[in-house]
N, C-alpha and C. Protein backbone atom coordinates (compact mmCIF):
# COMPACT_ATOMS: atom_id res chain seq x y z
N MET A 1 -56.08 34.69 -3.09
CA MET A 1 -55.17 34.52 -4.16
C MET A 1 -54.20 35.68 -4.26
N LEU A 2 -53.13 35.31 -4.81
CA LEU A 2 -52.05 36.29 -4.87
C LEU A 2 -52.18 37.07 -6.16
N THR A 3 -51.95 38.27 -6.03
CA THR A 3 -52.00 39.10 -7.22
C THR A 3 -50.58 39.30 -7.71
N ALA A 4 -50.45 39.93 -8.81
CA ALA A 4 -49.15 40.15 -9.43
C ALA A 4 -48.30 41.08 -8.57
N VAL A 5 -48.91 41.94 -7.81
CA VAL A 5 -48.16 42.88 -6.98
C VAL A 5 -47.50 42.09 -5.85
N TRP A 6 -48.26 41.16 -5.27
CA TRP A 6 -47.69 40.36 -4.19
C TRP A 6 -46.53 39.48 -4.68
N VAL A 7 -46.68 38.97 -5.83
CA VAL A 7 -45.61 38.13 -6.40
C VAL A 7 -44.36 39.00 -6.62
N ALA A 8 -44.55 40.20 -7.07
CA ALA A 8 -43.42 41.09 -7.32
C ALA A 8 -42.75 41.48 -6.01
N VAL A 9 -43.54 41.70 -4.95
CA VAL A 9 -43.00 42.09 -3.64
C VAL A 9 -42.21 40.92 -3.06
N VAL A 10 -42.74 39.72 -3.17
CA VAL A 10 -42.07 38.53 -2.63
C VAL A 10 -40.75 38.30 -3.41
N ALA A 11 -40.79 38.47 -4.69
CA ALA A 11 -39.60 38.28 -5.52
C ALA A 11 -38.55 39.33 -5.17
N ALA A 12 -38.97 40.56 -4.95
CA ALA A 12 -38.05 41.63 -4.60
C ALA A 12 -37.43 41.38 -3.23
N ALA A 13 -38.23 40.90 -2.27
CA ALA A 13 -37.73 40.63 -0.93
C ALA A 13 -36.73 39.47 -0.97
N ALA A 14 -37.02 38.44 -1.75
CA ALA A 14 -36.11 37.29 -1.87
C ALA A 14 -34.80 37.73 -2.53
N ALA A 15 -34.89 38.56 -3.54
CA ALA A 15 -33.69 39.03 -4.21
C ALA A 15 -32.85 39.89 -3.26
N PHE A 16 -33.54 40.69 -2.42
CA PHE A 16 -32.83 41.52 -1.46
C PHE A 16 -32.11 40.66 -0.42
N ILE A 17 -32.78 39.63 0.04
CA ILE A 17 -32.17 38.74 1.04
C ILE A 17 -30.97 38.01 0.44
N VAL A 18 -31.09 37.52 -0.80
CA VAL A 18 -29.97 36.84 -1.47
C VAL A 18 -28.83 37.83 -1.67
N GLY A 19 -29.11 39.05 -2.06
CA GLY A 19 -28.08 40.06 -2.27
C GLY A 19 -27.33 40.38 -0.98
N VAL A 20 -28.08 40.50 0.12
CA VAL A 20 -27.46 40.79 1.42
C VAL A 20 -26.57 39.61 1.85
N ALA A 21 -27.02 38.39 1.62
CA ALA A 21 -26.24 37.19 1.99
C ALA A 21 -24.94 37.14 1.18
N VAL A 22 -25.06 37.41 -0.11
CA VAL A 22 -23.86 37.40 -0.94
C VAL A 22 -22.90 38.50 -0.48
N ALA A 23 -23.39 39.66 -0.13
CA ALA A 23 -22.54 40.76 0.33
C ALA A 23 -21.85 40.40 1.64
N ILE A 24 -22.58 39.75 2.56
CA ILE A 24 -21.97 39.35 3.83
C ILE A 24 -20.86 38.30 3.58
N TYR A 25 -21.14 37.35 2.68
CA TYR A 25 -20.15 36.31 2.36
C TYR A 25 -18.88 36.94 1.76
N VAL A 26 -19.04 37.89 0.85
CA VAL A 26 -17.89 38.55 0.23
C VAL A 26 -17.12 39.34 1.26
N MET A 27 -17.81 40.00 2.17
CA MET A 27 -17.14 40.78 3.20
C MET A 27 -16.35 39.87 4.16
N LEU A 28 -16.90 38.70 4.49
CA LEU A 28 -16.16 37.76 5.34
C LEU A 28 -14.90 37.25 4.64
N LYS A 29 -15.02 36.93 3.36
CA LYS A 29 -13.86 36.47 2.60
C LYS A 29 -12.81 37.58 2.50
N ALA A 30 -13.24 38.79 2.29
CA ALA A 30 -12.31 39.92 2.21
C ALA A 30 -11.60 40.14 3.55
N ALA A 31 -12.33 39.98 4.65
CA ALA A 31 -11.72 40.15 5.97
C ALA A 31 -10.67 39.06 6.21
N ARG A 32 -11.00 37.81 5.82
CA ARG A 32 -10.03 36.72 5.98
C ARG A 32 -8.79 36.97 5.10
N LEU A 33 -9.02 37.44 3.89
CA LEU A 33 -7.92 37.73 2.97
C LEU A 33 -7.04 38.85 3.52
N MET A 34 -7.66 39.86 4.09
CA MET A 34 -6.89 40.96 4.67
C MET A 34 -6.08 40.49 5.88
N THR A 35 -6.62 39.60 6.68
CA THR A 35 -5.90 39.07 7.84
C THR A 35 -4.69 38.24 7.38
N GLU A 36 -4.91 37.39 6.39
CA GLU A 36 -3.81 36.56 5.88
C GLU A 36 -2.73 37.42 5.20
N SER A 37 -3.15 38.43 4.47
CA SER A 37 -2.16 39.29 3.80
C SER A 37 -1.37 40.09 4.82
N SER A 38 -1.99 40.53 5.90
CA SER A 38 -1.24 41.26 6.93
C SER A 38 -0.25 40.33 7.64
N ALA A 39 -0.66 39.07 7.86
CA ALA A 39 0.28 38.10 8.46
C ALA A 39 1.45 37.82 7.50
N THR A 40 1.15 37.70 6.22
CA THR A 40 2.20 37.46 5.22
C THR A 40 3.15 38.65 5.15
N LEU A 41 2.60 39.87 5.20
CA LEU A 41 3.45 41.06 5.18
C LEU A 41 4.34 41.12 6.42
N ALA A 42 3.81 40.71 7.56
CA ALA A 42 4.62 40.72 8.79
C ALA A 42 5.77 39.71 8.68
N SER A 43 5.46 38.51 8.15
CA SER A 43 6.54 37.51 8.00
C SER A 43 7.56 37.97 6.94
N LEU A 44 7.07 38.64 5.88
CA LEU A 44 8.00 39.17 4.88
C LEU A 44 8.91 40.24 5.47
N ARG A 45 8.37 41.06 6.34
CA ARG A 45 9.20 42.07 6.99
C ARG A 45 10.27 41.42 7.86
N GLU A 46 9.89 40.34 8.57
CA GLU A 46 10.88 39.63 9.38
C GLU A 46 11.96 39.00 8.50
N ARG A 47 11.53 38.36 7.41
CA ARG A 47 12.49 37.76 6.49
C ARG A 47 13.37 38.82 5.85
N GLU A 48 12.77 39.97 5.56
CA GLU A 48 13.53 41.06 4.97
C GLU A 48 14.64 41.50 5.92
N ASP A 49 14.31 41.60 7.20
CA ASP A 49 15.32 41.98 8.18
C ASP A 49 16.45 40.93 8.24
N VAL A 50 16.07 39.63 8.21
CA VAL A 50 17.08 38.57 8.24
C VAL A 50 17.95 38.63 6.98
N LEU A 51 17.30 38.84 5.82
CA LEU A 51 18.06 38.94 4.58
C LEU A 51 18.99 40.14 4.57
N ILE A 52 18.55 41.24 5.11
CA ILE A 52 19.41 42.43 5.18
C ILE A 52 20.60 42.16 6.09
N GLU A 53 20.37 41.46 7.22
CA GLU A 53 21.48 41.12 8.11
C GLU A 53 22.48 40.19 7.41
N ARG A 54 21.95 39.17 6.70
CA ARG A 54 22.83 38.25 5.97
C ARG A 54 23.61 38.98 4.88
N ALA A 55 22.94 39.87 4.17
CA ALA A 55 23.62 40.61 3.11
C ALA A 55 24.72 41.50 3.68
N SER A 56 24.45 42.14 4.80
CA SER A 56 25.48 42.98 5.41
C SER A 56 26.65 42.14 5.90
N THR A 57 26.36 40.92 6.43
CA THR A 57 27.44 40.02 6.85
C THR A 57 28.27 39.59 5.64
N ALA A 58 27.60 39.24 4.53
CA ALA A 58 28.31 38.84 3.32
C ALA A 58 29.15 39.99 2.78
N ILE A 59 28.63 41.21 2.83
CA ILE A 59 29.38 42.38 2.35
C ILE A 59 30.60 42.61 3.24
N ASP A 60 30.46 42.41 4.55
CA ASP A 60 31.61 42.54 5.45
C ASP A 60 32.68 41.49 5.13
N GLN A 61 32.24 40.25 4.88
CA GLN A 61 33.20 39.19 4.54
C GLN A 61 33.90 39.49 3.22
N VAL A 62 33.17 39.99 2.25
CA VAL A 62 33.78 40.35 0.97
C VAL A 62 34.80 41.46 1.17
N GLY A 63 34.46 42.42 2.02
CA GLY A 63 35.40 43.50 2.32
C GLY A 63 36.68 42.96 2.96
N GLU A 64 36.53 41.98 3.88
CA GLU A 64 37.71 41.37 4.50
C GLU A 64 38.55 40.63 3.45
N GLN A 65 37.88 39.89 2.54
CA GLN A 65 38.59 39.17 1.50
C GLN A 65 39.33 40.14 0.57
N ILE A 66 38.69 41.26 0.25
CA ILE A 66 39.35 42.26 -0.60
C ILE A 66 40.56 42.83 0.11
N ALA A 67 40.44 43.07 1.41
CA ALA A 67 41.59 43.58 2.17
C ALA A 67 42.73 42.57 2.18
N MET A 68 42.38 41.27 2.36
CA MET A 68 43.41 40.23 2.33
C MET A 68 44.04 40.13 0.95
N THR A 69 43.22 40.24 -0.10
CA THR A 69 43.76 40.20 -1.46
C THR A 69 44.70 41.36 -1.72
N GLU A 70 44.33 42.53 -1.23
CA GLU A 70 45.21 43.69 -1.39
C GLU A 70 46.52 43.48 -0.64
N THR A 71 46.45 42.86 0.54
CA THR A 71 47.67 42.57 1.30
C THR A 71 48.55 41.59 0.53
N ILE A 72 47.93 40.54 -0.03
CA ILE A 72 48.69 39.54 -0.80
C ILE A 72 49.30 40.19 -2.04
N THR A 73 48.53 41.05 -2.69
CA THR A 73 49.04 41.73 -3.89
C THR A 73 50.23 42.62 -3.53
N ALA A 74 50.12 43.31 -2.41
CA ALA A 74 51.23 44.16 -1.99
C ALA A 74 52.46 43.32 -1.67
N SER A 75 52.26 42.17 -1.00
CA SER A 75 53.42 41.32 -0.69
C SER A 75 54.00 40.72 -1.96
N MET A 76 53.15 40.37 -2.95
CA MET A 76 53.66 39.87 -4.22
C MET A 76 54.46 40.95 -4.94
N ASP A 77 54.01 42.20 -4.85
CA ASP A 77 54.78 43.29 -5.44
C ASP A 77 56.15 43.40 -4.76
N ASP A 78 56.15 43.21 -3.42
CA ASP A 78 57.43 43.24 -2.70
C ASP A 78 58.33 42.09 -3.14
N VAL A 79 57.73 40.90 -3.31
CA VAL A 79 58.52 39.73 -3.75
C VAL A 79 59.07 39.98 -5.15
N THR A 80 58.24 40.53 -6.04
CA THR A 80 58.71 40.82 -7.40
C THR A 80 59.85 41.83 -7.38
N ALA A 81 59.72 42.85 -6.55
CA ALA A 81 60.79 43.84 -6.45
C ALA A 81 62.05 43.19 -5.88
N GLY A 82 61.89 42.32 -4.89
CA GLY A 82 63.04 41.62 -4.31
C GLY A 82 63.72 40.72 -5.33
N MET A 83 62.91 40.01 -6.14
CA MET A 83 63.49 39.13 -7.17
C MET A 83 64.24 39.95 -8.21
N ALA A 84 63.68 41.11 -8.58
CA ALA A 84 64.36 41.97 -9.56
C ALA A 84 65.69 42.47 -8.98
N GLU A 85 65.66 42.83 -7.70
CA GLU A 85 66.90 43.28 -7.06
C GLU A 85 67.92 42.15 -6.99
N LEU A 86 67.46 40.93 -6.64
CA LEU A 86 68.35 39.78 -6.57
C LEU A 86 68.92 39.45 -7.94
N ARG A 87 68.10 39.53 -8.99
CA ARG A 87 68.57 39.28 -10.35
C ARG A 87 69.64 40.30 -10.73
N GLY A 88 69.41 41.55 -10.35
CA GLY A 88 70.40 42.59 -10.64
C GLY A 88 71.72 42.33 -9.91
N ARG A 89 71.63 41.89 -8.65
CA ARG A 89 72.86 41.59 -7.90
C ARG A 89 73.58 40.39 -8.50
N LEU A 90 72.81 39.36 -8.90
CA LEU A 90 73.44 38.19 -9.51
C LEU A 90 74.11 38.56 -10.83
N ASN A 91 73.44 39.40 -11.61
CA ASN A 91 74.05 39.84 -12.87
C ASN A 91 75.30 40.67 -12.61
N ALA A 92 75.30 41.42 -11.52
CA ALA A 92 76.48 42.22 -11.20
C ALA A 92 77.62 41.32 -10.74
N LEU A 93 77.29 40.24 -9.99
CA LEU A 93 78.34 39.34 -9.51
C LEU A 93 78.87 38.44 -10.61
N ALA A 94 77.98 37.90 -11.45
CA ALA A 94 78.40 36.99 -12.52
C ALA A 94 77.81 37.50 -13.83
N PRO A 95 78.51 38.38 -14.50
CA PRO A 95 77.96 38.92 -15.75
C PRO A 95 77.85 37.83 -16.79
N ALA A 96 77.01 38.06 -17.75
CA ALA A 96 76.78 37.07 -18.80
C ALA A 96 78.05 36.83 -19.59
N ALA A 97 78.27 35.58 -20.00
CA ALA A 97 79.47 35.24 -20.74
C ALA A 97 79.41 35.88 -22.13
N THR A 98 80.42 36.63 -22.42
CA THR A 98 80.47 37.27 -23.73
C THR A 98 81.43 36.47 -24.60
N PRO A 99 81.11 36.27 -25.86
CA PRO A 99 82.02 35.52 -26.72
C PRO A 99 83.31 36.29 -26.94
N SER A 100 84.42 35.59 -26.77
CA SER A 100 85.71 36.27 -26.93
C SER A 100 86.03 36.41 -28.41
N THR A 101 86.69 37.47 -28.71
CA THR A 101 87.02 37.73 -30.11
C THR A 101 88.28 37.02 -30.55
N ASP A 102 89.16 36.69 -29.59
CA ASP A 102 90.42 36.05 -30.00
C ASP A 102 90.30 34.54 -30.10
N GLY A 103 89.21 33.95 -29.64
CA GLY A 103 89.01 32.51 -29.78
C GLY A 103 89.70 31.69 -28.71
N SER A 104 90.22 32.32 -27.64
CA SER A 104 90.93 31.56 -26.61
C SER A 104 89.98 30.65 -25.84
N ARG A 105 88.77 31.10 -25.58
CA ARG A 105 87.81 30.25 -24.86
C ARG A 105 87.38 29.07 -25.71
N THR A 106 87.21 29.30 -26.99
CA THR A 106 86.81 28.22 -27.88
C THR A 106 87.90 27.17 -27.94
N ALA A 107 89.14 27.58 -28.04
CA ALA A 107 90.25 26.64 -28.08
C ALA A 107 90.36 25.89 -26.76
N LEU A 108 90.15 26.57 -25.65
CA LEU A 108 90.20 25.94 -24.35
C LEU A 108 89.10 24.89 -24.21
N THR A 109 87.93 25.21 -24.70
CA THR A 109 86.82 24.27 -24.64
C THR A 109 87.11 23.04 -25.49
N TRP A 110 87.60 23.25 -26.69
CA TRP A 110 87.93 22.11 -27.56
C TRP A 110 89.04 21.26 -26.95
N GLY A 111 90.02 21.90 -26.36
CA GLY A 111 91.12 21.16 -25.73
C GLY A 111 90.63 20.31 -24.57
N ALA A 112 89.76 20.87 -23.73
CA ALA A 112 89.22 20.12 -22.60
C ALA A 112 88.40 18.94 -23.09
N ALA A 113 87.62 19.14 -24.13
CA ALA A 113 86.81 18.05 -24.67
C ALA A 113 87.69 16.95 -25.25
N LEU A 114 88.78 17.32 -25.90
CA LEU A 114 89.69 16.34 -26.48
C LEU A 114 90.37 15.53 -25.38
N VAL A 115 90.85 16.20 -24.34
CA VAL A 115 91.51 15.50 -23.23
C VAL A 115 90.53 14.55 -22.56
N TYR A 116 89.31 14.98 -22.35
CA TYR A 116 88.31 14.12 -21.72
C TYR A 116 88.04 12.90 -22.59
N GLY A 117 87.87 13.09 -23.88
CA GLY A 117 87.57 11.98 -24.78
C GLY A 117 88.70 10.97 -24.83
N VAL A 118 89.94 11.45 -24.88
CA VAL A 118 91.09 10.54 -24.94
C VAL A 118 91.21 9.74 -23.64
N THR A 119 91.08 10.41 -22.51
CA THR A 119 91.18 9.69 -21.23
C THR A 119 90.04 8.71 -21.05
N ARG A 120 88.87 9.04 -21.52
CA ARG A 120 87.73 8.12 -21.42
C ARG A 120 87.97 6.89 -22.29
N ALA A 121 88.43 7.09 -23.52
CA ALA A 121 88.67 5.96 -24.42
C ALA A 121 89.78 5.06 -23.87
N LEU A 122 90.87 5.65 -23.38
CA LEU A 122 91.96 4.86 -22.82
C LEU A 122 91.52 4.10 -21.58
N GLY A 123 90.73 4.75 -20.76
CA GLY A 123 90.23 4.09 -19.55
C GLY A 123 89.37 2.89 -19.90
N LEU A 124 88.51 3.00 -20.89
CA LEU A 124 87.67 1.88 -21.31
C LEU A 124 88.52 0.76 -21.90
N ARG A 125 89.53 1.12 -22.65
CA ARG A 125 90.39 0.10 -23.26
C ARG A 125 91.19 -0.63 -22.19
N TRP A 126 91.74 0.11 -21.25
CA TRP A 126 92.51 -0.52 -20.18
C TRP A 126 91.61 -1.40 -19.32
N ALA A 127 90.38 -0.95 -19.08
CA ALA A 127 89.44 -1.76 -18.28
C ALA A 127 89.13 -3.06 -19.00
N ALA A 128 88.97 -3.02 -20.31
CA ALA A 128 88.68 -4.24 -21.07
C ALA A 128 89.88 -5.18 -21.04
N GLN A 129 91.10 -4.66 -21.13
CA GLN A 129 92.29 -5.51 -21.08
C GLN A 129 92.47 -6.10 -19.69
N PHE A 130 92.20 -5.32 -18.67
CA PHE A 130 92.36 -5.80 -17.30
C PHE A 130 91.37 -6.92 -17.01
N THR A 131 90.11 -6.75 -17.44
CA THR A 131 89.11 -7.79 -17.18
C THR A 131 89.42 -9.05 -17.96
N SER A 132 89.99 -8.94 -19.15
CA SER A 132 90.32 -10.15 -19.91
C SER A 132 91.50 -10.88 -19.27
N ARG A 133 92.41 -10.18 -18.61
CA ARG A 133 93.54 -10.82 -17.94
C ARG A 133 93.13 -11.43 -16.61
N SER A 134 92.24 -10.75 -15.88
CA SER A 134 91.89 -11.23 -14.54
C SER A 134 90.75 -12.22 -14.54
N ASN A 135 90.04 -12.40 -15.64
CA ASN A 135 88.93 -13.34 -15.71
C ASN A 135 89.47 -14.75 -15.90
N PRO A 136 89.19 -15.69 -14.99
CA PRO A 136 89.76 -17.02 -15.11
C PRO A 136 89.18 -17.83 -16.25
N THR A 137 88.03 -17.49 -16.77
CA THR A 137 87.46 -18.26 -17.87
C THR A 137 88.08 -17.88 -19.19
N GLN A 138 88.69 -16.71 -19.27
CA GLN A 138 89.34 -16.29 -20.50
C GLN A 138 90.84 -16.29 -20.28
N GLY A 139 91.57 -16.70 -21.23
CA GLY A 139 93.01 -16.70 -21.10
C GLY A 139 93.63 -17.40 -22.29
N SER A 140 94.94 -17.39 -22.33
CA SER A 140 95.61 -18.05 -23.44
C SER A 140 95.55 -19.57 -23.24
N PRO A 141 95.62 -20.35 -24.33
CA PRO A 141 95.50 -21.80 -24.18
C PRO A 141 96.63 -22.41 -23.36
N GLY A 142 97.78 -21.80 -23.32
CA GLY A 142 98.89 -22.39 -22.58
C GLY A 142 98.94 -21.97 -21.13
N SER A 143 98.07 -21.11 -20.69
CA SER A 143 98.13 -20.67 -19.31
C SER A 143 97.65 -21.78 -18.39
N ARG A 144 98.20 -21.83 -17.21
CA ARG A 144 97.89 -22.92 -16.28
C ARG A 144 97.12 -22.35 -15.10
N HIS A 145 96.25 -23.18 -14.58
CA HIS A 145 95.51 -22.81 -13.38
C HIS A 145 96.47 -22.86 -12.21
N PRO A 146 96.57 -21.83 -11.38
CA PRO A 146 97.60 -21.80 -10.34
C PRO A 146 97.44 -22.89 -9.29
N ALA A 147 96.26 -23.30 -8.96
CA ALA A 147 96.09 -24.27 -7.89
C ALA A 147 96.36 -25.69 -8.38
N GLN A 148 96.05 -26.03 -9.58
CA GLN A 148 96.15 -27.40 -10.05
C GLN A 148 97.38 -27.65 -10.88
N GLY A 149 97.97 -26.66 -11.46
CA GLY A 149 99.12 -26.84 -12.31
C GLY A 149 98.76 -27.40 -13.66
N SER A 150 97.52 -27.39 -14.03
CA SER A 150 97.08 -27.90 -15.33
C SER A 150 96.42 -26.78 -16.10
N PRO A 151 96.25 -26.96 -17.40
CA PRO A 151 95.59 -25.89 -18.16
C PRO A 151 94.17 -25.66 -17.66
N ARG A 152 93.76 -24.45 -17.76
CA ARG A 152 92.40 -24.10 -17.31
C ARG A 152 91.38 -24.71 -18.25
N PRO A 153 90.35 -25.27 -17.68
CA PRO A 153 89.29 -25.78 -18.55
C PRO A 153 88.50 -24.62 -19.12
N ARG A 154 88.15 -24.72 -20.37
CA ARG A 154 87.34 -23.68 -21.00
C ARG A 154 85.88 -24.06 -20.90
N ARG A 155 85.12 -23.10 -20.47
CA ARG A 155 83.67 -23.31 -20.43
C ARG A 155 83.06 -22.69 -21.67
N PRO A 156 82.14 -23.41 -22.28
CA PRO A 156 81.51 -22.81 -23.46
C PRO A 156 80.59 -21.65 -23.04
N VAL A 157 80.57 -20.64 -23.85
CA VAL A 157 79.71 -19.50 -23.59
C VAL A 157 78.30 -19.83 -24.05
N GLN A 158 77.36 -19.70 -23.16
CA GLN A 158 75.97 -20.00 -23.51
C GLN A 158 75.27 -18.69 -23.84
N ARG A 159 74.73 -18.66 -25.02
CA ARG A 159 74.00 -17.46 -25.44
C ARG A 159 72.54 -17.82 -25.60
N LEU A 160 71.71 -16.93 -25.13
CA LEU A 160 70.27 -17.13 -25.27
C LEU A 160 69.85 -16.78 -26.69
N PRO A 161 68.92 -17.53 -27.23
CA PRO A 161 68.47 -17.18 -28.58
C PRO A 161 67.72 -15.86 -28.57
N ARG A 162 67.91 -15.09 -29.62
CA ARG A 162 67.22 -13.81 -29.74
C ARG A 162 65.80 -14.05 -30.22
N PRO A 163 64.86 -13.31 -29.66
CA PRO A 163 63.49 -13.44 -30.18
C PRO A 163 63.41 -12.82 -31.57
N ARG A 164 62.71 -13.49 -32.45
CA ARG A 164 62.56 -13.01 -33.82
C ARG A 164 61.44 -11.99 -33.88
N ARG A 165 61.72 -10.92 -34.60
CA ARG A 165 60.70 -9.90 -34.81
C ARG A 165 59.94 -10.24 -36.08
N PRO A 166 58.68 -9.83 -36.15
CA PRO A 166 57.94 -10.03 -37.39
C PRO A 166 58.63 -9.29 -38.54
N ALA A 167 58.32 -9.73 -39.76
CA ALA A 167 59.00 -9.19 -40.95
C ALA A 167 58.80 -7.69 -41.08
N GLN A 168 57.63 -7.16 -40.71
CA GLN A 168 57.40 -5.73 -40.89
C GLN A 168 58.17 -4.91 -39.87
N ASP A 169 58.56 -5.52 -38.72
CA ASP A 169 59.29 -4.77 -37.72
C ASP A 169 60.80 -4.88 -37.88
N ARG A 170 61.27 -5.68 -38.83
CA ARG A 170 62.72 -5.83 -39.00
C ARG A 170 63.29 -4.57 -39.64
N ARG A 171 64.11 -3.94 -38.90
CA ARG A 171 64.80 -2.77 -39.39
C ARG A 171 66.18 -2.76 -38.77
N PRO A 172 67.13 -2.05 -39.33
CA PRO A 172 68.48 -2.11 -38.78
C PRO A 172 68.52 -1.56 -37.36
N THR A 173 69.40 -2.13 -36.56
CA THR A 173 69.56 -1.69 -35.18
C THR A 173 70.18 -0.30 -35.17
N PRO A 174 69.60 0.63 -34.41
CA PRO A 174 70.19 1.97 -34.35
C PRO A 174 71.59 1.92 -33.77
N VAL A 175 72.41 2.89 -34.14
CA VAL A 175 73.80 2.93 -33.74
C VAL A 175 73.92 3.00 -32.22
N ALA A 176 73.01 3.70 -31.56
CA ALA A 176 73.07 3.86 -30.12
C ALA A 176 72.85 2.53 -29.40
N GLU A 177 72.14 1.57 -30.01
CA GLU A 177 71.86 0.29 -29.36
C GLU A 177 72.92 -0.76 -29.67
N ARG A 178 73.81 -0.52 -30.59
CA ARG A 178 74.85 -1.49 -30.93
C ARG A 178 75.92 -1.49 -29.85
N PRO A 179 76.46 -2.65 -29.50
CA PRO A 179 77.53 -2.68 -28.50
C PRO A 179 78.80 -2.08 -29.08
N ARG A 180 79.53 -1.41 -28.26
CA ARG A 180 80.76 -0.76 -28.71
C ARG A 180 81.92 -1.72 -28.58
N ALA A 181 82.93 -1.53 -29.41
CA ALA A 181 84.07 -2.44 -29.47
C ALA A 181 84.82 -2.47 -28.15
N ALA A 182 85.00 -1.32 -27.50
CA ALA A 182 85.76 -1.29 -26.26
C ALA A 182 85.01 -2.01 -25.15
N LEU A 183 83.70 -2.04 -25.20
CA LEU A 183 82.93 -2.67 -24.14
C LEU A 183 82.74 -4.16 -24.37
N THR A 184 82.72 -4.61 -25.60
CA THR A 184 82.46 -6.02 -25.89
C THR A 184 83.73 -6.81 -26.09
N GLY A 185 84.87 -6.17 -26.33
CA GLY A 185 86.11 -6.87 -26.55
C GLY A 185 86.31 -7.26 -28.00
N ARG A 186 85.42 -6.87 -28.89
CA ARG A 186 85.56 -7.17 -30.33
C ARG A 186 86.16 -5.97 -31.02
N ARG A 187 86.92 -6.24 -32.04
CA ARG A 187 87.57 -5.14 -32.75
C ARG A 187 86.64 -4.49 -33.77
N SER A 188 85.76 -5.28 -34.36
CA SER A 188 84.90 -4.72 -35.40
C SER A 188 83.80 -3.87 -34.82
N GLY A 189 83.38 -4.17 -33.61
CA GLY A 189 82.33 -3.38 -32.97
C GLY A 189 80.94 -3.76 -33.41
N GLY A 190 80.80 -4.71 -34.31
CA GLY A 190 79.49 -5.13 -34.80
C GLY A 190 78.84 -6.10 -33.85
N SER A 191 77.55 -6.26 -33.97
CA SER A 191 76.85 -7.22 -33.13
C SER A 191 76.76 -8.54 -33.84
N SER A 192 76.74 -9.61 -33.05
CA SER A 192 76.67 -10.93 -33.67
C SER A 192 75.26 -11.38 -33.85
């Protein structure tokens, strides 16, 4: 039979064996972890080198862009200086119009406007008279058609009906849209 001492020795031996097994298992896991971490560190070092190369390439490209920007800025400064010089030359060639104190320019401007207006009005009036004389549908009742020797037949003027606007949209026709007397051949100048 086993005594208490033997039971204690067997229990101590079993505990020692379990402790050694656990220690071996932990050491194997630690060795695997150290191997994986060293491989990860090696790949990180490789990636770090690639990242450093990419960063240096990007910094070089940025430096080139800054140099190009400085070149463009310098050329824009040259263009601005050239434009200022050109503006100065243009101002020297054609100085700004200064208002005359004697009023001669103002009178000249008014005179030119008056002459233009009179010639324009006369031209429109003569054009209206010419078209009324040369138009075969319009003429005096006693005038004769040259080919037939008989009075010209009058054709009735056909006018299209105007579309009616709703009551809320009825407002007087603006002056700019009304036909003018010289263009329509009417003396009153009103629309029908």
